[in-house]
């Protein structure tokens, strides 16, 4: 009697594709939130390069934090 062949595990991409839509929506929202938080420190560099003072850039950063 031959043993049953081992069952293959689904691949990572297949498993990710099978996730429900709400999970993908949460993932997209989390990604946008984290990406926005990553860009914020560069806002001060951009503002000072465009002629704003360090104080004005700091106020803008503080306003974002509030």
N, C-alpha and C. Protein backbone atom coordinates (compact mmCIF):
# COMPACT_ATOMS: atom_id res chain seq x y z
N UNK A 1 0.85 -1.18 0.00
CA UNK A 1 0.00 0.00 0.00
C UNK A 1 0.89 1.24 0.00
N UNK A 2 0.66 2.13 -0.94
CA UNK A 2 1.45 3.34 -1.06
C UNK A 2 0.90 4.42 -0.12
N UNK A 3 1.81 5.11 0.58
CA UNK A 3 1.32 6.21 1.42
C UNK A 3 0.81 7.35 0.55
N UNK A 4 -0.11 8.12 1.11
CA UNK A 4 -0.67 9.26 0.37
C UNK A 4 0.43 10.29 0.14
N UNK A 5 0.42 10.92 -1.04
CA UNK A 5 1.44 11.94 -1.30
C UNK A 5 1.24 13.13 -0.35
N UNK A 6 2.35 13.75 0.06
CA UNK A 6 2.20 14.89 0.97
C UNK A 6 1.44 16.03 0.30
N UNK A 7 0.59 16.65 1.07
CA UNK A 7 -0.17 17.78 0.54
C UNK A 7 0.73 19.01 0.51
N UNK A 8 0.64 19.75 -0.56
CA UNK A 8 1.45 20.95 -0.69
C UNK A 8 0.80 22.11 0.06
N UNK A 9 1.63 22.88 0.70
CA UNK A 9 1.17 24.10 1.36
C UNK A 9 0.93 25.15 0.28
N UNK A 10 -0.13 25.96 0.43
CA UNK A 10 -0.32 27.03 -0.55
C UNK A 10 0.82 28.03 -0.44
N UNK A 11 1.20 28.62 -1.55
CA UNK A 11 2.29 29.58 -1.56
C UNK A 11 1.90 30.87 -0.86
N UNK A 12 2.90 31.67 -0.56
CA UNK A 12 2.68 32.93 0.14
C UNK A 12 1.80 33.86 -0.68
N UNK A 13 2.09 33.98 -1.98
CA UNK A 13 1.29 34.87 -2.82
C UNK A 13 -0.16 34.41 -2.90
N UNK A 14 -0.36 33.12 -2.99
CA UNK A 14 -1.74 32.59 -3.04
C UNK A 14 -2.46 32.90 -1.73
N UNK A 15 -1.74 32.72 -0.61
CA UNK A 15 -2.35 33.01 0.69
C UNK A 15 -2.70 34.49 0.81
N UNK A 16 -1.82 35.37 0.32
CA UNK A 16 -2.10 36.80 0.38
C UNK A 16 -3.27 37.19 -0.51
N UNK A 17 -3.34 36.58 -1.68
CA UNK A 17 -4.46 36.90 -2.58
C UNK A 17 -5.81 36.46 -2.01
N UNK A 18 -5.77 35.44 -1.18
CA UNK A 18 -7.01 34.90 -0.63
C UNK A 18 -7.52 35.67 0.59
N UNK A 19 -6.77 36.67 1.05
CA UNK A 19 -7.22 37.45 2.20
C UNK A 19 -8.48 38.24 1.84
N UNK A 20 -9.38 38.42 2.79
CA UNK A 20 -10.62 39.17 2.49
C UNK A 20 -10.34 40.65 2.22
N UNK A 21 -11.28 41.27 1.54
CA UNK A 21 -11.15 42.68 1.15
C UNK A 21 -10.91 43.61 2.33
N UNK A 22 -11.61 43.47 3.47
CA UNK A 22 -11.35 44.38 4.59
C UNK A 22 -9.89 44.36 5.07
N UNK A 23 -9.24 43.22 4.96
CA UNK A 23 -7.83 43.14 5.36
C UNK A 23 -6.98 44.00 4.42
N UNK A 24 -7.27 43.95 3.13
CA UNK A 24 -6.52 44.76 2.16
C UNK A 24 -6.78 46.24 2.37
N UNK A 25 -8.00 46.60 2.74
CA UNK A 25 -8.32 48.01 3.00
C UNK A 25 -7.55 48.50 4.22
N UNK A 26 -7.51 47.68 5.27
CA UNK A 26 -6.73 48.05 6.46
C UNK A 26 -5.24 48.15 6.13
N UNK A 27 -4.75 47.23 5.32
CA UNK A 27 -3.34 47.28 4.92
C UNK A 27 -3.03 48.56 4.16
N UNK A 28 -3.89 48.93 3.22
CA UNK A 28 -3.67 50.15 2.44
C UNK A 28 -3.71 51.39 3.33
N UNK A 29 -4.66 51.44 4.25
CA UNK A 29 -4.74 52.57 5.16
C UNK A 29 -3.53 52.68 6.07
N UNK A 30 -3.06 51.54 6.56
CA UNK A 30 -1.87 51.53 7.40
C UNK A 30 -0.65 51.98 6.61
N UNK A 31 -0.53 51.51 5.38
CA UNK A 31 0.61 51.91 4.55
C UNK A 31 0.61 53.41 4.31
N UNK A 32 -0.54 53.97 3.95
CA UNK A 32 -0.61 55.42 3.71
C UNK A 32 -0.29 56.21 4.97
N UNK A 33 -0.77 55.75 6.11
CA UNK A 33 -0.49 56.42 7.37
C UNK A 33 1.00 56.40 7.69
N UNK A 34 1.63 55.26 7.55
CA UNK A 34 3.07 55.14 7.83
C UNK A 34 3.90 55.93 6.83
N UNK A 35 3.49 55.92 5.56
CA UNK A 35 4.22 56.68 4.55
C UNK A 35 4.12 58.17 4.82
N UNK A 36 2.94 58.63 5.22
CA UNK A 36 2.77 60.04 5.57
C UNK A 36 3.63 60.43 6.75
N UNK A 37 3.73 59.56 7.73
CA UNK A 37 4.57 59.85 8.91
C UNK A 37 6.04 59.86 8.51
N UNK A 38 6.43 59.08 7.53
CA UNK A 38 7.81 59.05 7.05
C UNK A 38 8.17 60.36 6.34
N UNK A 39 7.22 60.96 5.65
CA UNK A 39 7.47 62.16 4.85
C UNK A 39 7.54 63.41 5.73
N UNK A 40 6.90 63.42 6.87
CA UNK A 40 6.83 64.61 7.70
C UNK A 40 8.19 65.20 8.06
N UNK A 41 9.19 64.43 8.47
CA UNK A 41 10.48 65.06 8.79
C UNK A 41 11.10 65.80 7.60
N UNK A 42 10.83 65.36 6.40
CA UNK A 42 11.38 66.03 5.22
C UNK A 42 10.65 67.33 4.91
N UNK A 43 9.48 67.52 5.50
CA UNK A 43 8.74 68.76 5.29
C UNK A 43 9.54 69.95 5.79
N UNK A 44 10.20 69.81 6.91
CA UNK A 44 10.99 70.93 7.44
C UNK A 44 12.15 71.25 6.50
N UNK A 45 12.80 70.23 5.94
CA UNK A 45 13.88 70.48 4.98
C UNK A 45 13.35 71.18 3.73
N UNK A 46 12.22 70.74 3.26
CA UNK A 46 11.61 71.33 2.08
C UNK A 46 11.23 72.79 2.33
N UNK A 47 10.62 73.04 3.49
CA UNK A 47 10.18 74.41 3.80
C UNK A 47 11.37 75.36 3.94
N UNK A 48 12.43 74.92 4.61
CA UNK A 48 13.58 75.81 4.78
C UNK A 48 14.29 76.03 3.44
N UNK A 49 14.26 75.04 2.55
CA UNK A 49 14.86 75.21 1.23
C UNK A 49 14.04 76.17 0.38
N UNK A 50 12.75 76.28 0.66
CA UNK A 50 11.87 77.16 -0.10
C UNK A 50 11.84 78.58 0.47
N UNK A 51 12.63 78.84 1.52
CA UNK A 51 12.73 80.21 2.02
C UNK A 51 12.03 80.47 3.34
N UNK A 52 11.36 79.49 3.89
CA UNK A 52 10.73 79.67 5.20
C UNK A 52 11.81 79.64 6.28
N UNK A 53 11.57 80.35 7.36
CA UNK A 53 12.54 80.33 8.46
C UNK A 53 12.41 79.01 9.22
N UNK A 54 13.41 78.74 10.03
CA UNK A 54 13.38 77.53 10.85
C UNK A 54 12.21 77.60 11.83
N UNK A 55 11.93 78.79 12.33
CA UNK A 55 10.80 78.96 13.25
C UNK A 55 9.48 78.65 12.56
N UNK A 56 9.30 79.16 11.35
CA UNK A 56 8.07 78.88 10.61
C UNK A 56 7.93 77.39 10.30
N UNK A 57 9.02 76.77 9.92
CA UNK A 57 8.97 75.33 9.65
C UNK A 57 8.64 74.57 10.93
N UNK A 58 9.21 74.99 12.05
CA UNK A 58 8.90 74.34 13.33
C UNK A 58 7.45 74.51 13.71
N UNK A 59 6.89 75.69 13.46
CA UNK A 59 5.46 75.91 13.76
C UNK A 59 4.58 75.02 12.90
N UNK A 60 4.96 74.85 11.64
CA UNK A 60 4.18 73.98 10.76
C UNK A 60 4.25 72.54 11.24
N UNK A 61 5.43 72.11 11.66
CA UNK A 61 5.58 70.75 12.20
C UNK A 61 4.76 70.59 13.48
N UNK A 62 4.79 71.61 14.33
CA UNK A 62 3.98 71.56 15.55
C UNK A 62 2.50 71.53 15.27
N UNK A 63 2.08 72.30 14.27
CA UNK A 63 0.65 72.29 13.89
C UNK A 63 0.23 70.92 13.41
N UNK A 64 1.10 70.24 12.68
CA UNK A 64 0.78 68.89 12.24
C UNK A 64 0.63 67.96 13.42
N UNK A 65 1.49 68.14 14.42
CA UNK A 65 1.43 67.28 15.61
C UNK A 65 0.17 67.47 16.41
N UNK A 66 -0.35 68.69 16.38
CA UNK A 66 -1.58 68.98 17.14
C UNK A 66 -2.75 68.36 16.42
